[in-house]
């Protein structure tokens, strides 16, 4: 059975598009899944793990004011991550994640909260997901990574 990463790869190759990721709560898992696909070097441009706020600011140009006013886990931060990644890499598709994988809540926000920022050919969209299922941090990261890849496929299809 075709994985989500393989499906995304086929779409990218068929259209001669490039992709990049900037991950916080998924810690590089999306990058790992995408680069597990044979031939992914044809479309993967650059991947970052921007776990710390400083990395979000320095690499992706997320504004300090955004982090102070809304937090790293916010629609606004996901938007700025996608915008920044798109500008830094000049890729067709930028996939960004920020959320709370657990086991403890952070910024007063619940475990299971995920924001996905997608930049695709100049347009930026953000998506909010809330998973209330009890999962380990590792299981939550897996769930978040799959949600982000699925969201990217739906966005570009």
N, C-alpha and C. Protein backbone atom coordinates (compact mmCIF):
# COMPACT_ATOMS: atom_id res chain seq x y z
N UNK A 1 0.84 -1.19 0.00
CA UNK A 1 0.00 0.00 0.00
C UNK A 1 0.89 1.26 0.00
N UNK A 2 0.50 2.23 -0.78
CA UNK A 2 1.26 3.47 -0.91
C UNK A 2 1.17 4.31 0.36
N UNK A 3 2.32 4.78 0.84
CA UNK A 3 2.32 5.65 2.01
C UNK A 3 1.94 7.07 1.61
N UNK A 4 1.61 7.88 2.60
CA UNK A 4 1.31 9.29 2.34
C UNK A 4 2.54 9.99 1.72
N UNK A 5 3.71 9.65 2.21
CA UNK A 5 4.94 10.26 1.69
C UNK A 5 5.17 9.89 0.23
N UNK A 6 4.91 8.65 -0.13
CA UNK A 6 5.04 8.23 -1.52
C UNK A 6 4.03 8.95 -2.41
N UNK A 7 2.81 9.08 -1.90
CA UNK A 7 1.76 9.77 -2.66
C UNK A 7 2.16 11.23 -2.90
N UNK A 8 2.64 11.90 -1.85
CA UNK A 8 3.08 13.29 -2.00
C UNK A 8 4.23 13.38 -2.99
N UNK A 9 5.17 12.47 -2.88
CA UNK A 9 6.32 12.45 -3.79
C UNK A 9 5.91 12.32 -5.24
N UNK A 10 4.95 11.46 -5.52
CA UNK A 10 4.47 11.28 -6.90
C UNK A 10 3.86 12.57 -7.45
N UNK A 11 3.11 13.27 -6.62
CA UNK A 11 2.50 14.54 -7.05
C UNK A 11 3.59 15.57 -7.34
N UNK A 12 4.57 15.65 -6.45
CA UNK A 12 5.66 16.62 -6.62
C UNK A 12 6.45 16.32 -7.89
N UNK A 13 6.80 15.07 -8.11
CA UNK A 13 7.57 14.68 -9.31
C UNK A 13 6.76 14.95 -10.58
N UNK A 14 5.49 14.57 -10.57
CA UNK A 14 4.65 14.74 -11.77
C UNK A 14 4.54 16.20 -12.19
N UNK A 15 4.64 17.11 -11.22
CA UNK A 15 4.49 18.54 -11.51
C UNK A 15 5.82 19.30 -11.51
N UNK A 16 6.90 18.57 -11.27
CA UNK A 16 8.23 19.18 -11.19
C UNK A 16 8.27 20.26 -10.10
N UNK A 17 7.66 19.97 -8.95
CA UNK A 17 7.62 20.88 -7.82
C UNK A 17 8.67 20.48 -6.78
N UNK A 18 9.07 21.45 -5.97
CA UNK A 18 10.00 21.20 -4.87
C UNK A 18 9.28 21.41 -3.54
N UNK A 19 9.84 20.83 -2.49
CA UNK A 19 9.23 20.93 -1.17
C UNK A 19 10.30 21.15 -0.11
N UNK A 20 9.88 21.74 1.00
CA UNK A 20 10.74 21.95 2.16
C UNK A 20 9.88 21.83 3.41
N UNK A 21 10.52 21.53 4.52
CA UNK A 21 9.80 21.43 5.79
C UNK A 21 10.50 22.26 6.86
N UNK A 22 9.69 22.76 7.79
CA UNK A 22 10.19 23.37 9.03
C UNK A 22 9.31 22.81 10.14
N UNK A 23 9.92 22.05 11.01
CA UNK A 23 9.16 21.32 12.02
C UNK A 23 9.54 21.75 13.42
N UNK A 24 8.54 21.86 14.25
CA UNK A 24 8.77 22.09 15.66
C UNK A 24 8.35 20.82 16.41
N UNK A 25 7.08 20.64 16.65
CA UNK A 25 6.59 19.52 17.46
C UNK A 25 6.85 18.14 16.85
N UNK A 26 7.04 18.07 15.56
CA UNK A 26 7.29 16.78 14.90
C UNK A 26 8.78 16.45 14.85
N UNK A 27 9.63 17.38 15.23
CA UNK A 27 11.04 17.12 15.44
C UNK A 27 11.82 16.48 14.31
N UNK A 28 11.41 16.71 13.08
CA UNK A 28 12.12 16.14 11.94
C UNK A 28 11.48 14.87 11.38
N UNK A 29 10.39 14.44 11.97
CA UNK A 29 9.74 13.21 11.53
C UNK A 29 9.17 13.33 10.12
N UNK A 30 8.62 14.49 9.78
CA UNK A 30 8.10 14.68 8.41
C UNK A 30 9.27 14.59 7.43
N UNK A 31 10.35 15.27 7.74
CA UNK A 31 11.54 15.21 6.89
C UNK A 31 11.99 13.76 6.71
N UNK A 32 12.03 13.02 7.79
CA UNK A 32 12.44 11.62 7.73
C UNK A 32 11.51 10.81 6.84
N UNK A 33 10.21 10.99 7.02
CA UNK A 33 9.23 10.25 6.22
C UNK A 33 9.36 10.60 4.73
N UNK A 34 9.52 11.88 4.43
CA UNK A 34 9.62 12.30 3.03
C UNK A 34 10.91 11.80 2.38
N UNK A 35 12.00 11.82 3.13
CA UNK A 35 13.28 11.39 2.55
C UNK A 35 13.45 9.87 2.57
N UNK A 36 12.53 9.15 3.20
CA UNK A 36 12.53 7.68 3.11
C UNK A 36 12.12 7.21 1.71
N UNK A 37 11.48 8.08 0.96
CA UNK A 37 10.98 7.73 -0.37
C UNK A 37 12.13 7.77 -1.38
N UNK A 38 12.29 6.69 -2.10
CA UNK A 38 13.32 6.63 -3.15
C UNK A 38 13.07 7.72 -4.18
N UNK A 39 14.12 8.46 -4.50
CA UNK A 39 14.00 9.54 -5.48
C UNK A 39 13.62 10.88 -4.90
N UNK A 40 13.48 10.97 -3.57
CA UNK A 40 13.03 12.22 -2.95
C UNK A 40 14.03 13.36 -3.12
N UNK A 41 15.28 13.04 -3.44
CA UNK A 41 16.26 14.11 -3.66
C UNK A 41 15.90 14.97 -4.87
N UNK A 42 15.00 14.48 -5.70
CA UNK A 42 14.55 15.25 -6.87
C UNK A 42 13.63 16.40 -6.48
N UNK A 43 12.99 16.30 -5.32
CA UNK A 43 12.03 17.35 -4.95
C UNK A 43 12.24 17.94 -3.56
N UNK A 44 12.96 17.30 -2.68
CA UNK A 44 13.20 17.87 -1.35
C UNK A 44 14.32 18.90 -1.48
N UNK A 45 14.00 20.13 -1.09
CA UNK A 45 14.96 21.22 -1.23
C UNK A 45 15.77 21.43 0.05
N UNK A 46 15.07 21.52 1.17
CA UNK A 46 15.74 21.83 2.43
C UNK A 46 14.75 21.56 3.56
N UNK A 47 15.26 21.00 4.66
CA UNK A 47 14.40 20.73 5.81
C UNK A 47 15.06 21.25 7.08
N UNK A 48 14.24 21.85 7.95
CA UNK A 48 14.73 22.39 9.21
C UNK A 48 13.92 21.81 10.37
N UNK A 49 14.59 21.64 11.51
CA UNK A 49 13.88 21.42 12.76
C UNK A 49 14.06 22.71 13.55
N UNK A 50 12.97 23.45 13.68
CA UNK A 50 13.00 24.75 14.36
C UNK A 50 12.24 24.61 15.67
N UNK A 51 12.78 23.81 16.54
CA UNK A 51 12.12 23.48 17.81
C UNK A 51 12.11 24.67 18.76
N UNK A 52 13.23 25.36 18.83
CA UNK A 52 13.33 26.52 19.73
C UNK A 52 12.79 27.78 19.06
N UNK A 53 12.25 28.67 19.88
CA UNK A 53 11.75 29.95 19.35
C UNK A 53 12.85 30.71 18.62
N UNK A 54 14.08 30.65 19.15
CA UNK A 54 15.20 31.33 18.51
C UNK A 54 15.41 30.83 17.08
N UNK A 55 15.25 29.53 16.86
CA UNK A 55 15.39 28.97 15.51
C UNK A 55 14.26 29.46 14.61
N UNK A 56 13.06 29.53 15.15
CA UNK A 56 11.93 30.04 14.36
C UNK A 56 12.19 31.47 13.92
N UNK A 57 12.75 32.26 14.83
CA UNK A 57 13.03 33.67 14.52
C UNK A 57 14.19 33.79 13.54
N UNK A 58 15.29 33.12 13.84
CA UNK A 58 16.52 33.27 13.05
C UNK A 58 16.42 32.69 11.65
N UNK A 59 15.85 31.49 11.54
CA UNK A 59 15.82 30.79 10.25
C UNK A 59 14.59 31.17 9.43
N UNK A 60 13.44 31.27 10.11
CA UNK A 60 12.17 31.47 9.39
C UNK A 60 11.62 32.89 9.49
N UNK A 61 12.28 33.72 10.25
CA UNK A 61 11.86 35.11 10.41
C UNK A 61 10.50 35.26 11.09
N UNK A 62 10.19 34.32 12.00
CA UNK A 62 8.99 34.49 12.83
C UNK A 62 9.26 35.67 13.75
N UNK A 63 8.32 36.57 13.83
CA UNK A 63 8.51 37.80 14.61
C UNK A 63 8.46 37.52 16.11
N UNK A 64 9.34 38.19 16.84
CA UNK A 64 9.36 38.09 18.30
C UNK A 64 8.00 38.50 18.87
N UNK A 65 7.41 39.51 18.27
CA UNK A 65 6.10 40.01 18.71
C UNK A 65 5.02 38.92 18.55
N UNK A 66 5.10 38.15 17.48
CA UNK A 66 4.14 37.06 17.26
C UNK A 66 4.27 36.02 18.37
N UNK A 67 5.51 35.66 18.67
CA UNK A 67 5.75 34.66 19.72
C UNK A 67 5.29 35.18 21.08
N UNK A 68 5.54 36.46 21.36
CA UNK A 68 5.15 37.06 22.64
C UNK A 68 3.63 37.17 22.76
N UNK A 69 2.96 37.57 21.68
CA UNK A 69 1.52 37.81 21.73
C UNK A 69 0.67 36.54 21.60
N UNK A 70 1.12 35.58 20.79
CA UNK A 70 0.29 34.41 20.48
C UNK A 70 0.92 33.08 20.91
N UNK A 71 2.23 33.08 21.09
CA UNK A 71 2.94 31.86 21.44
C UNK A 71 3.43 31.13 20.20
N UNK A 72 4.35 30.19 20.43
CA UNK A 72 4.90 29.40 19.33
C UNK A 72 3.85 28.45 18.77
N UNK A 73 2.93 28.04 19.61
CA UNK A 73 1.87 27.14 19.17
C UNK A 73 0.63 27.99 18.89
N UNK A 74 0.59 28.49 17.65
CA UNK A 74 -0.50 29.38 17.26
C UNK A 74 -0.63 29.39 15.75
N UNK A 75 -1.80 29.79 15.31
CA UNK A 75 -2.04 29.94 13.88
C UNK A 75 -1.09 30.98 13.29
N UNK A 76 -0.87 32.05 14.05
CA UNK A 76 -0.02 33.14 13.57
C UNK A 76 1.43 32.66 13.38
N UNK A 77 1.92 31.87 14.31
CA UNK A 77 3.28 31.34 14.21
C UNK A 77 3.39 30.37 13.03
N UNK A 78 2.40 29.49 12.86
CA UNK A 78 2.41 28.54 11.74
C UNK A 78 2.42 29.29 10.41
N UNK A 79 1.66 30.36 10.35
CA UNK A 79 1.61 31.19 9.13
C UNK A 79 2.99 31.79 8.84
N UNK A 80 3.59 32.39 9.85
CA UNK A 80 4.89 33.03 9.65
C UNK A 80 5.99 32.00 9.37
N UNK A 81 5.88 30.81 9.95
CA UNK A 81 6.83 29.74 9.64
C UNK A 81 6.75 29.37 8.16
N UNK A 82 5.53 29.20 7.66
CA UNK A 82 5.34 28.82 6.25
C UNK A 82 5.81 29.93 5.32
N UNK A 83 5.49 31.16 5.66
CA UNK A 83 5.94 32.31 4.86
C UNK A 83 7.47 32.37 4.83
N UNK A 84 8.08 32.26 5.99
CA UNK A 84 9.53 32.32 6.09
C UNK A 84 10.22 31.18 5.36
N UNK A 85 9.70 29.97 5.52
CA UNK A 85 10.30 28.81 4.84
C UNK A 85 10.20 28.95 3.33
N UNK A 86 9.06 29.42 2.88
CA UNK A 86 8.86 29.63 1.45
C UNK A 86 9.87 30.62 0.89
N UNK A 87 10.09 31.70 1.65
CA UNK A 87 11.04 32.72 1.19
C UNK A 87 12.48 32.21 1.24
N UNK A 88 12.85 31.50 2.31
CA UNK A 88 14.21 31.01 2.47
C UNK A 88 14.57 29.98 1.41
N UNK A 89 13.61 29.13 1.04
CA UNK A 89 13.91 28.01 0.14
C UNK A 89 13.46 28.22 -1.30
N UNK A 90 12.54 29.15 -1.51
CA UNK A 90 11.96 29.38 -2.84
C UNK A 90 11.39 28.07 -3.41
N UNK A 91 10.76 27.29 -2.56
CA UNK A 91 10.17 26.01 -2.98
C UNK A 91 8.70 26.21 -3.35
N UNK A 92 8.15 25.23 -4.04
CA UNK A 92 6.73 25.29 -4.38
C UNK A 92 5.85 24.99 -3.18
N UNK A 93 6.30 24.05 -2.34
CA UNK A 93 5.51 23.59 -1.21
C UNK A 93 6.33 23.66 0.07
N UNK A 94 5.84 24.41 1.05
CA UNK A 94 6.47 24.48 2.37
C UNK A 94 5.49 23.89 3.38
N UNK A 95 5.98 22.95 4.17
CA UNK A 95 5.16 22.28 5.19
C UNK A 95 5.75 22.59 6.56
N UNK A 96 4.96 23.21 7.44
CA UNK A 96 5.45 23.59 8.76
C UNK A 96 4.51 23.08 9.85
N UNK A 97 5.11 22.70 10.98
CA UNK A 97 4.30 22.23 12.11
C UNK A 97 4.72 22.91 13.40
N UNK A 98 3.74 23.21 14.22
CA UNK A 98 3.96 23.68 15.58
C UNK A 98 2.80 23.18 16.41
N UNK A 99 3.10 22.63 17.57
CA UNK A 99 2.03 22.05 18.38
C UNK A 99 2.52 21.54 19.72
N UNK A 100 1.63 20.84 20.40
CA UNK A 100 1.92 20.29 21.72
C UNK A 100 1.78 18.77 21.64
N UNK A 101 2.92 18.09 21.56
CA UNK A 101 2.92 16.62 21.46
C UNK A 101 2.87 15.95 22.83
N UNK A 102 3.10 16.71 23.89
CA UNK A 102 2.98 16.17 25.24
C UNK A 102 4.31 15.72 25.80
N UNK A 103 4.28 15.11 26.94
CA UNK A 103 3.09 14.65 27.66
C UNK A 103 2.40 15.74 28.47
N UNK A 104 3.04 16.93 28.59
CA UNK A 104 2.44 18.02 29.37
C UNK A 104 2.00 19.15 28.47
N UNK A 105 0.97 19.87 28.89
CA UNK A 105 0.55 21.04 28.11
C UNK A 105 1.63 22.11 28.21
N UNK A 106 1.60 23.04 27.28
CA UNK A 106 2.58 24.11 27.23
C UNK A 106 1.86 25.38 26.78
N UNK A 107 2.36 26.51 27.24
CA UNK A 107 1.74 27.81 26.90
C UNK A 107 0.25 27.82 27.27
N UNK A 108 -0.14 26.97 28.22
CA UNK A 108 -1.55 26.87 28.60
C UNK A 108 -2.42 26.22 27.54
N UNK A 109 -1.78 25.56 26.58
CA UNK A 109 -2.50 24.94 25.47
C UNK A 109 -2.46 23.42 25.64
N UNK A 110 -3.51 22.74 25.19
CA UNK A 110 -3.62 21.31 25.48
C UNK A 110 -2.71 20.42 24.63
N UNK A 111 -2.35 19.29 25.20
CA UNK A 111 -1.65 18.25 24.46
C UNK A 111 -2.58 17.81 23.32
N UNK A 112 -2.02 17.63 22.15
CA UNK A 112 -2.81 17.21 21.00
C UNK A 112 -3.16 18.35 20.05
N UNK A 113 -2.77 19.58 20.42
CA UNK A 113 -3.04 20.73 19.56
C UNK A 113 -1.94 20.84 18.51
N UNK A 114 -2.33 20.94 17.25
CA UNK A 114 -1.39 21.04 16.15
C UNK A 114 -1.83 22.13 15.18
N UNK A 115 -0.86 22.94 14.77
CA UNK A 115 -1.08 23.88 13.67
C UNK A 115 -0.14 23.47 12.54
N UNK A 116 -0.68 23.41 11.35
CA UNK A 116 0.10 23.12 10.16
C UNK A 116 0.03 24.37 9.28
N UNK A 117 1.19 24.85 8.89
CA UNK A 117 1.26 25.96 7.95
C UNK A 117 1.74 25.42 6.61
N UNK A 118 1.00 25.72 5.57
CA UNK A 118 1.35 25.26 4.23
C UNK A 118 1.46 26.47 3.32
N UNK A 119 2.62 26.61 2.68
CA UNK A 119 2.78 27.61 1.62
C UNK A 119 2.86 26.83 0.33
N UNK A 120 2.00 27.19 -0.62
CA UNK A 120 1.99 26.50 -1.90
C UNK A 120 1.86 27.51 -3.02
N UNK A 121 2.89 27.59 -3.82
CA UNK A 121 2.92 28.51 -4.96
C UNK A 121 2.44 29.91 -4.61
N UNK A 122 2.96 30.44 -3.50
CA UNK A 122 2.68 31.82 -3.13
C UNK A 122 1.49 32.03 -2.22
N UNK A 123 0.70 31.01 -1.97
CA UNK A 123 -0.47 31.14 -1.08
C UNK A 123 -0.19 30.40 0.22
N UNK A 124 -0.56 31.02 1.34
CA UNK A 124 -0.31 30.41 2.64
C UNK A 124 -1.63 30.10 3.32
N UNK A 125 -1.72 28.87 3.83
CA UNK A 125 -2.91 28.44 4.57
C UNK A 125 -2.46 27.82 5.88
N UNK A 126 -3.27 27.99 6.90
CA UNK A 126 -3.00 27.34 8.17
C UNK A 126 -4.18 26.43 8.52
N UNK A 127 -3.86 25.38 9.24
CA UNK A 127 -4.85 24.38 9.63
C UNK A 127 -4.66 24.08 11.11
N UNK A 128 -5.76 23.93 11.81
CA UNK A 128 -5.73 23.63 13.24
C UNK A 128 -6.34 22.26 13.47
N UNK A 129 -5.66 21.45 14.25
CA UNK A 129 -6.15 20.12 14.61
C UNK A 129 -6.05 19.98 16.13
N UNK A 130 -7.00 19.28 16.70
CA UNK A 130 -6.94 18.98 18.13
C UNK A 130 -7.28 17.51 18.31
N UNK A 131 -6.31 16.76 18.76
CA UNK A 131 -6.49 15.34 19.00
C UNK A 131 -6.62 15.13 20.49
N UNK A 132 -7.74 14.59 20.92
CA UNK A 132 -7.93 14.40 22.35
C UNK A 132 -7.61 12.97 22.79
N UNK A 133 -7.18 12.16 21.85
CA UNK A 133 -6.82 10.79 22.20
C UNK A 133 -5.58 10.79 23.08
N UNK A 134 -5.52 9.83 23.99
CA UNK A 134 -4.35 9.70 24.85
C UNK A 134 -3.29 8.91 24.09
N UNK A 135 -2.17 9.56 23.83
CA UNK A 135 -1.07 8.95 23.10
C UNK A 135 0.23 9.32 23.80
N UNK A 136 1.25 8.50 23.59
CA UNK A 136 2.57 8.87 24.07
C UNK A 136 3.08 10.01 23.19
N UNK A 137 4.14 10.66 23.61
CA UNK A 137 4.71 11.74 22.81
C UNK A 137 5.13 11.21 21.44
N UNK A 138 5.73 10.06 21.41
CA UNK A 138 6.16 9.45 20.15
C UNK A 138 4.97 9.17 19.23
N UNK A 139 3.89 8.64 19.79
CA UNK A 139 2.68 8.37 19.00
C UNK A 139 2.05 9.66 18.51
N UNK A 140 2.08 10.70 19.34
CA UNK A 140 1.51 11.99 18.95
C UNK A 140 2.32 12.59 17.81
N UNK A 141 3.65 12.52 17.87
CA UNK A 141 4.49 13.04 16.79
C UNK A 141 4.19 12.31 15.48
N UNK A 142 4.01 11.00 15.55
CA UNK A 142 3.68 10.20 14.37
C UNK A 142 2.34 10.66 13.80
N UNK A 143 1.36 10.84 14.67
CA UNK A 143 0.03 11.30 14.26
C UNK A 143 0.12 12.68 13.62
N UNK A 144 0.84 13.60 14.26
CA UNK A 144 1.00 14.95 13.74
C UNK A 144 1.68 14.95 12.37
N UNK A 145 2.75 14.16 12.22
CA UNK A 145 3.48 14.11 10.95
C UNK A 145 2.56 13.61 9.83
N UNK A 146 1.80 12.56 10.11
CA UNK A 146 0.87 12.03 9.09
C UNK A 146 -0.21 13.05 8.75
N UNK A 147 -0.72 13.76 9.75
CA UNK A 147 -1.73 14.80 9.50
C UNK A 147 -1.15 15.90 8.60
N UNK A 148 0.08 16.30 8.86
CA UNK A 148 0.70 17.37 8.07
C UNK A 148 0.91 16.94 6.62
N UNK A 149 1.39 15.71 6.42
CA UNK A 149 1.61 15.22 5.05
C UNK A 149 0.27 15.08 4.32
N UNK A 150 -0.73 14.55 5.01
CA UNK A 150 -2.06 14.42 4.42
C UNK A 150 -2.63 15.79 4.05
N UNK A 151 -2.44 16.76 4.91
CA UNK A 151 -2.91 18.12 4.66
C UNK A 151 -2.19 18.73 3.45
N UNK A 152 -0.90 18.47 3.34
CA UNK A 152 -0.15 18.97 2.18
C UNK A 152 -0.67 18.37 0.89
N UNK A 153 -0.96 17.07 0.90
CA UNK A 153 -1.50 16.40 -0.29
C UNK A 153 -2.84 17.02 -0.68
N UNK A 154 -3.71 17.22 0.32
CA UNK A 154 -5.04 17.79 0.04
C UNK A 154 -4.92 19.23 -0.47
N UNK A 155 -3.94 19.96 0.02
CA UNK A 155 -3.76 21.35 -0.38
C UNK A 155 -3.30 21.47 -1.83
N UNK A 156 -2.44 20.59 -2.28
CA UNK A 156 -1.89 20.72 -3.63
C UNK A 156 -2.61 19.88 -4.68
N UNK A 157 -3.54 19.05 -4.25
CA UNK A 157 -4.27 18.18 -5.21
C UNK A 157 -5.47 18.87 -5.81
